[in-house]
């Protein structure tokens, strides 16, 4: 393999998007909102779209390749049609697949996306693969770690050991649901090893055990005490916030008169694009300006990858941005 700028590790999935029309959003019994449909009935849907080779890590690898840096993915697929389709998509996107594993007797992860309005509810099932770390032909500049299955704790320990052997690798950590559910102590070495850590406001509270905390400076400071050098917290339409131990920063959403068409992948696009900008030597302030642009583009298409931009397109959006699109002190 050629030397890599970016190696993503995490699960890869196939996701059929089912466009619902006869559904309702209702208040949840314990807060939040719930998607409601008639029970025990046949419910028509508008159309469905099959999307292959997605998932947080795969989305990040594709984003990196589109932005022009050398990118690879370590993920597991089954020896089935869906697995072969995932590999074909990665190859077409110029994501190196030498670290991919096809495991006999297993099925490729298959999720289902219930798409209503511009939001989605995802039915998730992760297969239990026999995870192991790759033997690195060349140490990548960045390792991007994200969502893995509930059977992957030993895999995290192996990744930690691999990073200890390669102190030159910078770690970006975007934890998934299972990784957050493990608690900080179980993944303490990964938090401490992270050059870049990203989550949203609700996830930050969950990680810290303070689910009602909404003060951004408090959350940024507390997450950084866990070890990461740079912490970024996203907050939906309110934008995103960064802290590098010296400066608290805020970046707004990129202004777009179009409303979102479908929101899947916005967080992955934002996070991975910021990491790519950092890998290219951009300071955090400028890297934060890159992220919302790719997030804005992704939500105009179905799925997490179709709308991802090239570096030239991102830089063009920055050049044409209004004066209000700047990073400010928090």
Protein backbone atom coordinates (compact mmCIF):
# COMPACT_ATOMS: atom_id res chain seq x y z
CA UNK A 1 0.00 0.00 0.00
CA UNK A 2 1.00 3.59 -0.55
CA UNK A 3 1.60 5.70 2.57
CA UNK A 4 -1.74 6.82 3.98
CA UNK A 5 -2.94 10.17 5.20
CA UNK A 6 -6.13 8.78 6.73
CA UNK A 7 -7.16 5.32 7.99
CA UNK A 8 -10.71 4.95 9.30
CA UNK A 9 -11.70 2.08 11.60
CA UNK A 10 -15.31 1.20 12.31
CA UNK A 11 -18.29 -0.77 11.04
CA UNK A 12 -19.61 -0.54 7.48
CA UNK A 13 -23.28 -1.05 6.64
CA UNK A 14 -25.85 -1.22 3.87
CA UNK A 15 -28.89 1.00 4.46
CA UNK A 16 -32.15 0.92 2.50
CA UNK A 17 -33.90 4.29 2.92
CA UNK A 18 -37.68 3.92 3.07
CA UNK A 19 -39.49 7.18 2.33
CA UNK A 20 -42.59 7.30 4.55
CA UNK A 21 -45.64 9.45 3.93
CA UNK A 22 -48.25 7.96 6.28
CA UNK A 23 -46.60 8.47 9.65
CA UNK A 24 -46.80 10.92 12.54
CA UNK A 25 -44.39 12.44 15.04
CA UNK A 26 -45.76 12.39 18.58
CA UNK A 27 -44.42 13.40 22.00
CA UNK A 28 -42.40 10.61 23.59
CA UNK A 29 -43.53 9.06 26.85
CA UNK A 30 -40.19 9.91 28.46
CA UNK A 31 -39.39 13.08 26.56
CA UNK A 32 -38.26 13.66 23.00
CA UNK A 33 -40.38 12.59 20.05
CA UNK A 34 -41.50 9.26 18.62
CA UNK A 35 -42.37 8.09 15.13
CA UNK A 36 -45.88 6.62 15.02
CA UNK A 37 -47.59 4.48 12.37
CA UNK A 38 -50.76 2.41 12.32
CA UNK A 39 -50.18 -0.91 14.07
CA UNK A 40 -51.08 -4.20 12.37
CA UNK A 41 -51.84 -2.53 9.05
CA UNK A 42 -50.36 -2.32 5.54
CA UNK A 43 -48.77 1.11 5.22
CA UNK A 44 -47.78 2.40 1.77
CA UNK A 45 -44.45 4.16 1.33
CA UNK A 46 -43.38 6.59 -1.39
CA UNK A 47 -40.15 4.92 -2.55
CA UNK A 48 -36.97 3.25 -1.28
CA UNK A 49 -33.29 3.88 -2.03
CA UNK A 50 -30.53 1.34 -1.30
CA UNK A 51 -27.30 2.92 -0.03
CA UNK A 52 -24.18 0.78 0.35
CA UNK A 53 -20.86 1.23 2.17
CA UNK A 54 -22.04 3.71 4.78
CA UNK A 55 -21.51 3.98 8.53
CA UNK A 56 -19.52 6.59 10.45
CA UNK A 57 -16.05 5.31 9.59
CA UNK A 58 -16.86 4.51 5.96
CA UNK A 59 -18.45 7.94 5.52
CA UNK A 60 -15.30 9.52 6.95
CA UNK A 61 -13.04 7.52 4.62
CA UNK A 62 -15.07 8.53 1.57
CA UNK A 63 -15.11 12.18 2.69
CA UNK A 64 -11.31 12.12 3.03
CA UNK A 65 -10.88 10.59 -0.43
CA UNK A 66 -13.22 13.14 -2.01
CA UNK A 67 -11.20 15.90 -0.36
CA UNK A 68 -8.10 14.61 -2.07
CA UNK A 69 -6.03 12.84 0.57
CA UNK A 70 -5.05 9.16 0.56
CA UNK A 71 -7.67 7.24 2.51
CA UNK A 72 -8.33 3.65 3.57
CA UNK A 73 -10.90 1.80 5.66
CA UNK A 74 -10.57 -1.11 8.09
CA UNK A 75 -14.00 -2.69 8.36
CA UNK A 76 -15.58 -6.13 8.10
CA UNK A 77 -18.14 -7.38 5.60
CA UNK A 78 -19.77 -10.73 5.10
CA UNK A 79 -19.18 -13.00 2.11
CA UNK A 80 -22.43 -11.90 0.50
CA UNK A 81 -23.83 -9.62 -2.19
CA UNK A 82 -23.99 -6.66 0.18
CA UNK A 83 -20.35 -7.12 1.16
CA UNK A 84 -19.24 -7.15 -2.47
CA UNK A 85 -21.33 -4.05 -3.16
CA UNK A 86 -19.69 -2.24 -0.23
CA UNK A 87 -16.22 -3.06 -1.53
CA UNK A 88 -17.19 -1.90 -5.03
CA UNK A 89 -18.42 1.45 -3.70
CA UNK A 90 -15.21 2.02 -1.73
CA UNK A 91 -13.11 1.22 -4.79
CA UNK A 92 -15.15 3.61 -6.94
CA UNK A 93 -14.63 6.32 -4.32
CA UNK A 94 -10.85 5.73 -4.38
CA UNK A 95 -10.81 4.48 -0.79
CA UNK A 96 -8.07 1.86 -0.46
CA UNK A 97 -9.53 -1.52 0.52
CA UNK A 98 -6.41 -3.52 1.37
CA UNK A 99 -7.30 -3.37 5.07
CA UNK A 100 -10.89 -4.52 4.53
CA UNK A 101 -11.82 -8.02 5.73
CA UNK A 102 -14.41 -10.36 4.19
CA UNK A 103 -15.43 -12.89 6.82
CA UNK A 104 -16.93 -16.17 5.68
CA UNK A 105 -20.15 -17.25 7.34
CA UNK A 106 -21.13 -13.72 8.37
CA UNK A 107 -23.65 -11.27 6.93
CA UNK A 108 -22.76 -7.69 6.10
CA UNK A 109 -24.28 -5.20 8.53
CA UNK A 110 -27.75 -4.25 7.31
CA UNK A 111 -29.68 -1.33 8.80
CA UNK A 112 -33.05 0.11 7.78
CA UNK A 113 -33.72 3.86 7.60
CA UNK A 114 -37.28 5.09 8.14
CA UNK A 115 -37.21 8.49 6.45
CA UNK A 116 -40.02 10.90 7.31
CA UNK A 117 -39.90 14.61 6.54
CA UNK A 118 -36.23 15.58 6.63
CA UNK A 119 -35.39 13.33 9.58
CA UNK A 120 -34.69 9.64 9.87
CA UNK A 121 -35.04 6.83 12.39
CA UNK A 122 -32.54 4.01 11.86
CA UNK A 123 -33.16 0.37 12.79
CA UNK A 124 -29.68 -0.90 13.68
CA UNK A 125 -28.15 -4.37 13.92
CA UNK A 126 -24.38 -4.92 14.08
CA UNK A 127 -23.04 -8.39 13.26
CA UNK A 128 -20.47 -9.94 15.61
CA UNK A 129 -17.27 -10.09 13.57
CA UNK A 130 -13.93 -11.53 14.68
CA UNK A 131 -12.27 -8.13 14.92
CA UNK A 132 -8.51 -7.78 14.79
CA UNK A 133 -6.17 -4.88 14.03
CA UNK A 134 -4.47 -4.73 10.65
CA UNK A 135 -0.77 -5.13 10.15
CA UNK A 136 0.17 -1.67 8.94
CA UNK A 137 2.23 -1.48 5.78
CA UNK A 138 2.81 2.18 6.59
CA UNK A 139 1.63 4.12 9.63
CA UNK A 140 -1.10 6.58 8.55
CA UNK A 141 -0.85 10.22 9.56
CA UNK A 142 -4.33 10.02 11.12
CA UNK A 143 -6.42 7.15 12.44
CA UNK A 144 -10.14 7.94 12.57
CA UNK A 145 -12.01 5.68 15.02
CA UNK A 146 -15.77 5.54 15.18
CA UNK A 147 -18.80 3.30 15.69
CA UNK A 148 -18.29 -0.44 16.32
CA UNK A 149 -20.53 -3.24 17.57
CA UNK A 150 -21.26 -4.24 21.17
CA UNK A 151 -18.80 -7.16 20.89
CA UNK A 152 -15.81 -4.97 20.07
CA UNK A 153 -14.27 -4.06 23.46
CA UNK A 154 -11.25 -6.36 22.93
CA UNK A 155 -10.82 -4.74 19.51
CA UNK A 156 -10.53 -1.34 21.20
CA UNK A 157 -7.79 -2.73 23.45
CA UNK A 158 -5.95 -4.03 20.37
CA UNK A 159 -6.29 -0.63 18.67
CA UNK A 160 -4.83 0.99 21.79
CA UNK A 161 -1.84 -1.38 21.63
CA UNK A 162 -1.37 -0.63 17.93
CA UNK A 163 -1.32 3.10 18.66
CA UNK A 164 1.27 2.55 21.40
CA UNK A 165 3.53 0.98 18.78
CA UNK A 166 3.03 3.99 16.49
CA UNK A 167 3.19 7.19 18.56
CA UNK A 168 3.46 9.20 15.35
CA UNK A 169 -0.17 8.44 14.43
CA UNK A 170 -2.70 11.12 15.37
CA UNK A 171 -6.00 9.73 16.63
CA UNK A 172 -9.39 11.24 15.83
CA UNK A 173 -12.19 9.71 17.93
CA UNK A 174 -15.87 10.06 17.05
CA UNK A 175 -17.51 7.62 19.48
CA UNK A 176 -20.59 5.66 18.53
CA UNK A 177 -23.43 4.56 20.81
CA UNK A 178 -21.70 1.42 22.10
CA UNK A 179 -18.42 3.22 22.71
CA UNK A 180 -20.21 5.83 24.80
CA UNK A 181 -22.16 3.17 26.70
CA UNK A 182 -18.91 1.53 27.81
CA UNK A 183 -18.07 4.56 29.92
CA UNK A 184 -14.94 6.65 29.93
CA UNK A 185 -12.89 4.33 32.15
CA UNK A 186 -13.13 1.38 29.74
CA UNK A 187 -11.72 3.46 26.88
CA UNK A 188 -9.58 5.79 28.97
CA UNK A 189 -6.38 5.20 26.92
CA UNK A 190 -8.21 6.18 23.72
CA UNK A 191 -9.59 9.39 25.22
CA UNK A 192 -6.12 10.24 26.48
CA UNK A 193 -4.52 9.41 23.12
CA UNK A 194 -6.96 11.49 21.04
CA UNK A 195 -5.62 14.46 19.15
CA UNK A 196 -9.17 15.26 18.07
CA UNK A 197 -12.45 14.28 19.76
CA UNK A 198 -15.93 15.09 18.48
CA UNK A 199 -19.49 14.46 19.69
CA UNK A 200 -22.74 16.40 19.98
CA UNK A 201 -24.11 18.23 23.02
CA UNK A 202 -26.33 15.38 24.20
CA UNK A 203 -23.53 12.85 23.77
CA UNK A 204 -21.10 15.04 25.73
CA UNK A 205 -23.51 15.06 28.67
CA UNK A 206 -23.93 11.29 28.40
CA UNK A 207 -20.17 10.70 28.32
CA UNK A 208 -19.61 12.94 31.33
CA UNK A 209 -22.55 11.58 33.34
CA UNK A 210 -24.20 15.03 33.36
CA UNK A 211 -27.07 14.61 30.89
CA UNK A 212 -28.76 17.89 31.83
CA UNK A 213 -25.66 20.04 31.34
CA UNK A 214 -26.03 22.41 28.38
CA UNK A 215 -23.35 25.01 29.03
CA UNK A 216 -20.96 24.60 26.12
CA UNK A 217 -17.84 25.91 27.85
CA UNK A 218 -18.44 23.57 30.76
CA UNK A 219 -18.85 20.59 28.42
CA UNK A 220 -15.82 21.46 26.30
CA UNK A 221 -13.64 21.90 29.36
CA UNK A 222 -14.81 18.71 31.04
CA UNK A 223 -14.39 16.55 27.93
CA UNK A 224 -10.89 17.93 27.38
CA UNK A 225 -9.91 16.91 30.94
CA UNK A 226 -10.45 13.32 29.76
CA UNK A 227 -7.38 13.70 27.56
CA UNK A 228 -8.11 14.90 24.01
CA UNK A 229 -5.99 17.78 22.72
CA UNK A 230 -8.82 19.26 20.64
CA UNK A 231 -12.50 18.88 21.54
CA UNK A 232 -15.34 19.77 19.17
CA UNK A 233 -19.00 19.65 20.18
CA UNK A 234 -21.78 20.07 17.65
CA UNK A 235 -25.18 21.52 18.49
CA UNK A 236 -27.45 21.14 15.47
CA UNK A 237 -28.67 24.40 13.99
CA UNK A 238 -26.77 26.32 16.67
CA UNK A 239 -23.49 25.41 14.98
CA UNK A 240 -20.42 23.81 16.54
CA UNK A 241 -17.84 24.66 19.17
CA UNK A 242 -14.15 23.91 19.53
CA UNK A 243 -11.61 24.08 22.33
CA UNK A 244 -7.89 23.45 22.07
CA UNK A 245 -6.95 24.24 25.66
CA UNK A 246 -6.34 27.89 24.83
CA UNK A 247 -9.30 29.24 22.91
CA UNK A 248 -13.03 28.51 22.94
CA UNK A 249 -14.45 28.92 19.42
CA UNK A 250 -17.85 28.85 17.74
CA UNK A 251 -18.62 28.26 14.06
CA UNK A 252 -22.17 28.76 12.69
CA UNK A 253 -23.94 26.57 10.17
CA UNK A 254 -23.05 27.46 6.61
CA UNK A 255 -25.89 29.70 5.39
CA UNK A 256 -28.10 27.91 2.87
CA UNK A 257 -31.54 29.06 1.74
CA UNK A 258 -32.50 25.47 0.97
CA UNK A 259 -33.84 23.41 3.81
CA UNK A 260 -32.32 19.97 4.43
CA UNK A 261 -33.67 17.20 2.21
CA UNK A 262 -32.43 14.30 4.33
CA UNK A 263 -30.14 14.71 7.37
CA UNK A 264 -28.25 11.40 7.50
CA UNK A 265 -24.49 11.83 7.60
CA UNK A 266 -24.30 15.54 8.45
CA UNK A 267 -22.34 14.87 11.64
CA UNK A 268 -19.95 12.47 9.91
CA UNK A 269 -19.35 14.95 7.08
CA UNK A 270 -18.64 17.76 9.55
CA UNK A 271 -16.31 15.77 11.80
CA UNK A 272 -14.26 14.04 9.10
CA UNK A 273 -13.89 17.23 7.07
CA UNK A 274 -12.47 19.09 10.07
CA UNK A 275 -9.97 16.26 10.58
CA UNK A 276 -8.97 16.33 6.91
CA UNK A 277 -8.37 20.09 7.11
CA UNK A 278 -6.19 19.56 10.19
CA UNK A 279 -4.28 16.81 8.36
CA UNK A 280 -3.57 19.28 5.56
CA UNK A 281 -1.97 21.64 8.07
CA UNK A 282 -4.86 24.06 8.53
CA UNK A 283 -5.25 25.63 11.99
CA UNK A 284 -8.31 24.66 14.01
CA UNK A 285 -10.04 27.98 13.28
CA UNK A 286 -9.95 27.40 9.52
CA UNK A 287 -10.64 23.66 9.84
CA UNK A 288 -13.87 24.51 11.68
CA UNK A 289 -14.98 26.52 8.64
CA UNK A 290 -14.58 23.49 6.38
CA UNK A 291 -16.84 21.17 8.38
CA UNK A 292 -20.24 22.89 8.10
CA UNK A 293 -19.84 23.25 4.34
CA UNK A 294 -19.65 19.51 3.75
CA UNK A 295 -22.47 18.95 6.25
CA UNK A 296 -24.62 21.46 4.35
CA UNK A 297 -23.95 19.67 1.06
CA UNK A 298 -24.65 16.17 2.41
CA UNK A 299 -28.15 16.98 3.68
CA UNK A 300 -29.24 17.93 0.15
CA UNK A 301 -28.95 14.30 -0.98
CA UNK A 302 -30.20 10.90 0.18
CA UNK A 303 -27.64 9.08 2.31
CA UNK A 304 -24.41 10.09 3.97
CA UNK A 305 -22.04 10.20 0.99
CA UNK A 306 -23.65 11.34 -2.25
CA UNK A 307 -23.38 15.05 -1.45
CA UNK A 308 -19.78 15.02 -0.16
CA UNK A 309 -17.63 17.71 -1.78
CA UNK A 310 -14.13 17.95 -3.20
CA UNK A 311 -11.50 20.22 -1.67
CA UNK A 312 -11.90 22.71 -4.54
CA UNK A 313 -15.65 22.88 -3.91
CA UNK A 314 -15.18 23.45 -0.17
CA UNK A 315 -12.65 26.21 -0.80
CA UNK A 316 -15.01 27.80 -3.34
CA UNK A 317 -17.80 27.91 -0.74
CA UNK A 318 -15.40 29.53 1.74
CA UNK A 319 -14.37 32.12 -0.84
CA UNK A 320 -18.03 32.96 -1.52
CA UNK A 321 -19.17 32.86 2.10
CA UNK A 322 -20.94 35.89 3.55
CA UNK A 323 -19.13 38.06 6.09
CA UNK A 324 -21.16 36.43 8.88
CA UNK A 325 -19.56 33.04 8.23
CA UNK A 326 -16.61 33.33 10.56
CA UNK A 327 -15.29 31.62 13.66
CA UNK A 328 -15.87 33.71 16.76
CA UNK A 329 -14.74 33.45 20.37
CA UNK A 330 -17.20 31.77 22.65
